[in-house]
Amino acid sequence: MSMDFDDAPRGGKGKAGDRGDKKSGPGGAGGSGMRKRGFTRRKVCRFCADKTLTIDYKDSQLLKYFITDRGKIIPRRISGNCAKHQRKVALSIRRSRMIALMPYTVTGQ
């Protein structure tokens, strides 16, 4: 006596391991989970590329490129800085905040 799955009732929960529902996994809400990534160019540290640039806490025009519009420090993987220069940038931003050249947070939204 063979049992076809087409005759199984449709209502209620399925059996364990049923893939009918959308689960939030690596592919998002029910996606396949595999997404092809194109080639992205490696970001280059602008301070290593241009040796004349110096990181100074008084230079708020240079440091504004390394904070978000909310006032957060942009991470290294986004900015493209090397670890050495990212530490210097973060230190300069913190020093600049202390003497009120740069904001800690942005208010009045």
N, C-alpha and C. Protein backbone atom coordinates (compact mmCIF):
# COMPACT_ATOMS: atom_id res chain seq x y z
N MET A 1 0.84 -1.16 0.00
CA MET A 1 0.00 0.00 0.00
C MET A 1 0.90 1.23 0.00
N SER A 2 1.00 1.88 -1.15
CA SER A 2 1.83 3.07 -1.24
C SER A 2 0.98 4.31 -0.98
N MET A 3 1.59 5.25 -0.31
CA MET A 3 0.86 6.44 0.07
C MET A 3 1.42 7.63 -0.70
N ASP A 4 0.58 8.29 -1.45
CA ASP A 4 1.01 9.46 -2.20
C ASP A 4 0.96 10.69 -1.29
N PHE A 5 1.90 11.59 -1.46
CA PHE A 5 1.91 12.81 -0.67
C PHE A 5 0.90 13.82 -1.19
N ASP A 6 0.42 13.60 -2.40
CA ASP A 6 -0.59 14.51 -2.95
C ASP A 6 -1.90 14.39 -2.19
N ASP A 7 -2.15 13.25 -1.58
CA ASP A 7 -3.38 13.03 -0.85
C ASP A 7 -3.30 13.54 0.58
N ALA A 8 -2.13 14.02 1.01
CA ALA A 8 -1.95 14.48 2.39
C ALA A 8 -2.75 15.76 2.59
N PRO A 9 -3.28 15.94 3.80
CA PRO A 9 -4.05 17.16 4.06
C PRO A 9 -3.16 18.40 3.99
N ARG A 10 -3.70 19.53 3.49
CA ARG A 10 -2.93 20.75 3.28
C ARG A 10 -2.94 21.68 4.49
N GLY A 11 -3.87 21.59 5.34
CA GLY A 11 -3.99 22.54 6.45
C GLY A 11 -3.05 22.21 7.58
N GLY A 12 -2.86 23.18 8.49
CA GLY A 12 -2.06 22.94 9.69
C GLY A 12 -0.58 22.96 9.39
N LYS A 13 0.19 22.49 10.33
CA LYS A 13 1.64 22.47 10.18
C LYS A 13 2.04 21.27 9.35
N GLY A 14 3.09 21.45 8.61
CA GLY A 14 3.63 20.35 7.83
C GLY A 14 4.49 19.47 8.71
N LYS A 15 5.04 18.47 8.11
CA LYS A 15 5.90 17.58 8.87
C LYS A 15 7.24 18.26 9.14
N ALA A 16 8.03 17.70 10.00
CA ALA A 16 9.32 18.27 10.37
C ALA A 16 10.21 18.35 9.14
N GLY A 17 10.86 19.48 8.96
CA GLY A 17 11.73 19.67 7.82
C GLY A 17 11.02 20.17 6.59
N ASP A 18 9.76 20.54 6.72
CA ASP A 18 8.99 21.05 5.60
C ASP A 18 9.58 22.39 5.16
N ARG A 19 9.82 22.55 3.88
CA ARG A 19 10.43 23.78 3.37
C ARG A 19 9.37 24.73 2.81
N GLY A 20 8.14 24.51 3.10
CA GLY A 20 7.08 25.32 2.56
C GLY A 20 7.04 26.73 3.13
N ASP A 21 7.46 26.89 4.39
CA ASP A 21 7.39 28.21 4.99
C ASP A 21 8.64 29.00 4.66
N LYS A 22 8.52 30.32 4.76
CA LYS A 22 9.66 31.18 4.48
C LYS A 22 10.42 31.40 5.77
N LYS A 23 11.66 31.01 5.76
CA LYS A 23 12.50 31.17 6.95
C LYS A 23 13.50 32.27 6.70
N SER A 24 13.82 32.99 7.74
CA SER A 24 14.83 34.03 7.59
C SER A 24 16.20 33.41 7.82
N GLY A 25 16.87 33.17 6.75
CA GLY A 25 18.19 32.56 6.82
C GLY A 25 19.18 33.42 6.06
N PRO A 26 20.22 32.80 5.52
CA PRO A 26 21.22 33.58 4.82
C PRO A 26 20.68 34.28 3.58
N GLY A 27 19.63 33.76 3.01
CA GLY A 27 19.09 34.36 1.80
C GLY A 27 17.97 35.33 2.08
N GLY A 28 17.74 35.69 3.32
CA GLY A 28 16.65 36.62 3.63
C GLY A 28 15.35 35.86 3.80
N ALA A 29 14.27 36.48 3.43
CA ALA A 29 12.95 35.88 3.62
C ALA A 29 12.65 34.92 2.48
N GLY A 30 13.06 33.70 2.62
CA GLY A 30 12.70 32.67 1.66
C GLY A 30 13.53 32.68 0.40
N GLY A 31 14.63 33.40 0.37
CA GLY A 31 15.48 33.43 -0.82
C GLY A 31 16.25 32.15 -0.98
N SER A 32 16.95 32.05 -2.07
CA SER A 32 17.69 30.82 -2.35
C SER A 32 18.94 30.70 -1.48
N GLY A 33 19.42 31.81 -0.94
CA GLY A 33 20.59 31.75 -0.08
C GLY A 33 21.89 31.90 -0.83
N MET A 34 21.87 31.73 -2.12
CA MET A 34 23.08 31.89 -2.93
C MET A 34 22.93 33.12 -3.80
N ARG A 35 23.84 34.06 -3.59
CA ARG A 35 23.83 35.26 -4.40
C ARG A 35 25.23 35.46 -4.96
N LYS A 36 25.29 35.68 -6.24
CA LYS A 36 26.61 35.88 -6.85
C LYS A 36 27.08 37.28 -6.54
N ARG A 37 28.32 37.37 -6.16
CA ARG A 37 28.91 38.67 -5.90
C ARG A 37 29.84 39.02 -7.05
N GLY A 38 29.71 40.23 -7.50
CA GLY A 38 30.61 40.69 -8.55
C GLY A 38 31.94 41.10 -7.95
N PHE A 39 32.88 41.36 -8.80
CA PHE A 39 34.20 41.77 -8.35
C PHE A 39 34.13 43.21 -7.88
N THR A 40 34.51 43.44 -6.64
CA THR A 40 34.56 44.80 -6.13
C THR A 40 36.02 45.19 -5.94
N ARG A 41 36.30 46.41 -6.29
CA ARG A 41 37.67 46.88 -6.22
C ARG A 41 38.08 47.08 -4.78
N ARG A 42 39.29 46.70 -4.46
CA ARG A 42 39.81 46.84 -3.11
C ARG A 42 40.00 48.31 -2.78
N LYS A 43 39.49 48.72 -1.62
CA LYS A 43 39.64 50.11 -1.21
C LYS A 43 41.08 50.35 -0.76
N VAL A 44 41.58 51.50 -1.09
CA VAL A 44 42.96 51.84 -0.78
C VAL A 44 42.95 52.92 0.29
N CYS A 45 43.81 52.78 1.25
CA CYS A 45 43.95 53.78 2.30
C CYS A 45 44.47 55.07 1.67
N ARG A 46 43.72 56.15 1.84
CA ARG A 46 44.12 57.40 1.20
C ARG A 46 45.36 58.00 1.85
N PHE A 47 45.63 57.66 3.08
CA PHE A 47 46.81 58.19 3.76
C PHE A 47 48.07 57.43 3.37
N CYS A 48 47.91 56.15 3.04
CA CYS A 48 49.06 55.39 2.54
C CYS A 48 49.36 55.76 1.08
N ALA A 49 48.31 56.05 0.31
CA ALA A 49 48.49 56.38 -1.10
C ALA A 49 49.10 57.76 -1.27
N ASP A 50 48.66 58.72 -0.44
CA ASP A 50 49.16 60.08 -0.53
C ASP A 50 49.90 60.42 0.77
N LYS A 51 51.21 60.37 0.70
CA LYS A 51 52.02 60.56 1.92
C LYS A 51 51.99 62.00 2.43
N THR A 52 51.50 62.94 1.62
CA THR A 52 51.49 64.34 2.06
C THR A 52 50.31 64.63 2.99
N LEU A 53 49.28 63.79 2.97
CA LEU A 53 48.13 63.99 3.86
C LEU A 53 48.53 63.66 5.29
N THR A 54 48.17 64.54 6.19
CA THR A 54 48.43 64.27 7.61
C THR A 54 47.11 64.28 8.36
N ILE A 55 47.04 63.45 9.38
CA ILE A 55 45.85 63.36 10.20
C ILE A 55 46.05 64.27 11.40
N ASP A 56 45.20 65.30 11.50
CA ASP A 56 45.33 66.27 12.58
C ASP A 56 43.94 66.51 13.15
N TYR A 57 43.84 66.56 14.46
CA TYR A 57 42.53 66.75 15.09
C TYR A 57 41.95 68.13 14.83
N LYS A 58 42.78 69.09 14.42
CA LYS A 58 42.30 70.44 14.14
C LYS A 58 41.74 70.57 12.72
N ASP A 59 41.99 69.57 11.87
CA ASP A 59 41.53 69.61 10.48
C ASP A 59 40.17 68.92 10.38
N SER A 60 39.13 69.66 10.72
CA SER A 60 37.79 69.06 10.72
C SER A 60 37.26 68.82 9.31
N GLN A 61 37.77 69.55 8.32
CA GLN A 61 37.33 69.32 6.94
C GLN A 61 37.77 67.95 6.45
N LEU A 62 38.95 67.52 6.83
CA LEU A 62 39.41 66.19 6.45
C LEU A 62 38.68 65.11 7.24
N LEU A 63 38.46 65.35 8.52
CA LEU A 63 37.86 64.33 9.39
C LEU A 63 36.38 64.14 9.15
N LYS A 64 35.70 65.11 8.53
CA LYS A 64 34.25 64.98 8.32
C LYS A 64 33.92 63.85 7.35
N TYR A 65 34.88 63.43 6.54
CA TYR A 65 34.65 62.31 5.62
C TYR A 65 34.64 60.97 6.34
N PHE A 66 35.07 60.97 7.58
CA PHE A 66 35.17 59.73 8.33
C PHE A 66 34.12 59.62 9.43
N ILE A 67 33.11 60.49 9.41
CA ILE A 67 31.98 60.35 10.33
C ILE A 67 30.69 60.36 9.52
N THR A 68 29.67 59.71 10.04
CA THR A 68 28.38 59.67 9.36
C THR A 68 27.62 60.96 9.63
N ASP A 69 26.47 61.08 9.01
CA ASP A 69 25.65 62.27 9.24
C ASP A 69 25.07 62.28 10.65
N ARG A 70 25.10 61.14 11.32
CA ARG A 70 24.65 61.08 12.72
C ARG A 70 25.78 61.32 13.70
N GLY A 71 27.02 61.40 13.22
CA GLY A 71 28.15 61.68 14.08
C GLY A 71 28.96 60.47 14.47
N LYS A 72 28.65 59.31 13.93
CA LYS A 72 29.40 58.09 14.27
C LYS A 72 30.64 57.97 13.40
N ILE A 73 31.67 57.35 13.94
CA ILE A 73 32.90 57.12 13.19
C ILE A 73 32.67 55.98 12.20
N ILE A 74 33.02 56.22 10.94
CA ILE A 74 32.83 55.21 9.90
C ILE A 74 33.85 54.09 10.09
N PRO A 75 33.42 52.84 10.04
CA PRO A 75 34.36 51.73 10.25
C PRO A 75 35.37 51.59 9.11
N ARG A 76 36.39 50.87 9.41
CA ARG A 76 37.51 50.70 8.50
C ARG A 76 37.12 49.97 7.22
N ARG A 77 36.23 49.02 7.32
CA ARG A 77 35.85 48.25 6.13
C ARG A 77 35.06 49.11 5.15
N ILE A 78 34.45 50.19 5.64
CA ILE A 78 33.70 51.08 4.77
C ILE A 78 34.61 52.18 4.24
N SER A 79 35.41 52.78 5.12
CA SER A 79 36.25 53.91 4.70
C SER A 79 37.43 53.48 3.85
N GLY A 80 37.92 52.26 4.04
CA GLY A 80 39.05 51.77 3.26
C GLY A 80 40.39 52.09 3.88
N ASN A 81 40.40 52.66 5.08
CA ASN A 81 41.67 52.96 5.74
C ASN A 81 42.35 51.68 6.20
N CYS A 82 43.67 51.76 6.31
CA CYS A 82 44.39 50.64 6.91
C CYS A 82 44.23 50.76 8.43
N ALA A 83 44.60 49.74 9.15
CA ALA A 83 44.37 49.70 10.60
C ALA A 83 45.13 50.81 11.31
N LYS A 84 46.35 51.06 10.89
CA LYS A 84 47.18 52.09 11.52
C LYS A 84 46.56 53.47 11.38
N HIS A 85 46.12 53.79 10.17
CA HIS A 85 45.55 55.11 9.95
C HIS A 85 44.13 55.23 10.50
N GLN A 86 43.40 54.12 10.55
CA GLN A 86 42.06 54.18 11.15
C GLN A 86 42.16 54.49 12.64
N ARG A 87 43.16 53.96 13.32
CA ARG A 87 43.35 54.29 14.73
C ARG A 87 43.67 55.76 14.90
N LYS A 88 44.50 56.31 14.01
CA LYS A 88 44.84 57.73 14.08
C LYS A 88 43.64 58.61 13.77
N VAL A 89 42.83 58.21 12.81
CA VAL A 89 41.63 58.97 12.46
C VAL A 89 40.66 58.97 13.64
N ALA A 90 40.44 57.80 14.24
CA ALA A 90 39.51 57.70 15.37
C ALA A 90 39.98 58.54 16.55
N LEU A 91 41.28 58.52 16.81
CA LEU A 91 41.84 59.31 17.90
C LEU A 91 41.68 60.80 17.62
N SER A 92 41.92 61.20 16.37
CA SER A 92 41.77 62.61 16.01
C SER A 92 40.32 63.07 16.10
N ILE A 93 39.39 62.20 15.72
CA ILE A 93 37.97 62.56 15.83
C ILE A 93 37.59 62.72 17.29
N ARG A 94 38.06 61.82 18.15
CA ARG A 94 37.74 61.94 19.57
C ARG A 94 38.33 63.20 20.18
N ARG A 95 39.56 63.54 19.78
CA ARG A 95 40.17 64.78 20.28
C ARG A 95 39.43 66.00 19.77
N SER A 96 39.02 65.95 18.52
CA SER A 96 38.29 67.06 17.92
C SER A 96 36.93 67.25 18.59
N ARG A 97 36.31 66.17 19.00
CA ARG A 97 35.04 66.26 19.71
C ARG A 97 35.22 66.91 21.08
N MET A 98 36.33 66.60 21.73
CA MET A 98 36.57 67.15 23.07
C MET A 98 36.67 68.66 23.08
N ILE A 99 37.25 69.23 22.05
CA ILE A 99 37.37 70.69 22.02
C ILE A 99 36.28 71.32 21.14
N ALA A 100 35.23 70.56 20.87
CA ALA A 100 34.00 71.02 20.20
C ALA A 100 34.21 71.47 18.76
N LEU A 101 35.15 70.85 18.06
CA LEU A 101 35.27 71.12 16.63
C LEU A 101 34.36 70.20 15.82
N MET A 102 34.05 69.04 16.40
CA MET A 102 33.16 68.08 15.74
C MET A 102 32.10 67.65 16.75
N PRO A 103 30.92 67.27 16.25
CA PRO A 103 29.85 66.89 17.18
C PRO A 103 29.97 65.45 17.67
N TYR A 104 29.49 65.22 18.88
CA TYR A 104 29.34 63.85 19.36
C TYR A 104 28.15 63.20 18.69
N THR A 105 27.03 63.91 18.68
CA THR A 105 25.82 63.44 17.99
C THR A 105 25.18 64.63 17.31
N VAL A 106 24.27 64.34 16.40
CA VAL A 106 23.55 65.37 15.69
C VAL A 106 22.15 65.42 16.23
N THR A 107 21.69 66.59 16.63
CA THR A 107 20.34 66.75 17.16
C THR A 107 19.52 67.62 16.23
N GLY A 108 18.24 67.73 16.53
CA GLY A 108 17.35 68.58 15.75
C GLY A 108 16.92 67.99 14.44
N GLN A 109 16.58 66.70 14.45
CA GLN A 109 16.18 66.03 13.21
C GLN A 109 14.76 66.28 12.89
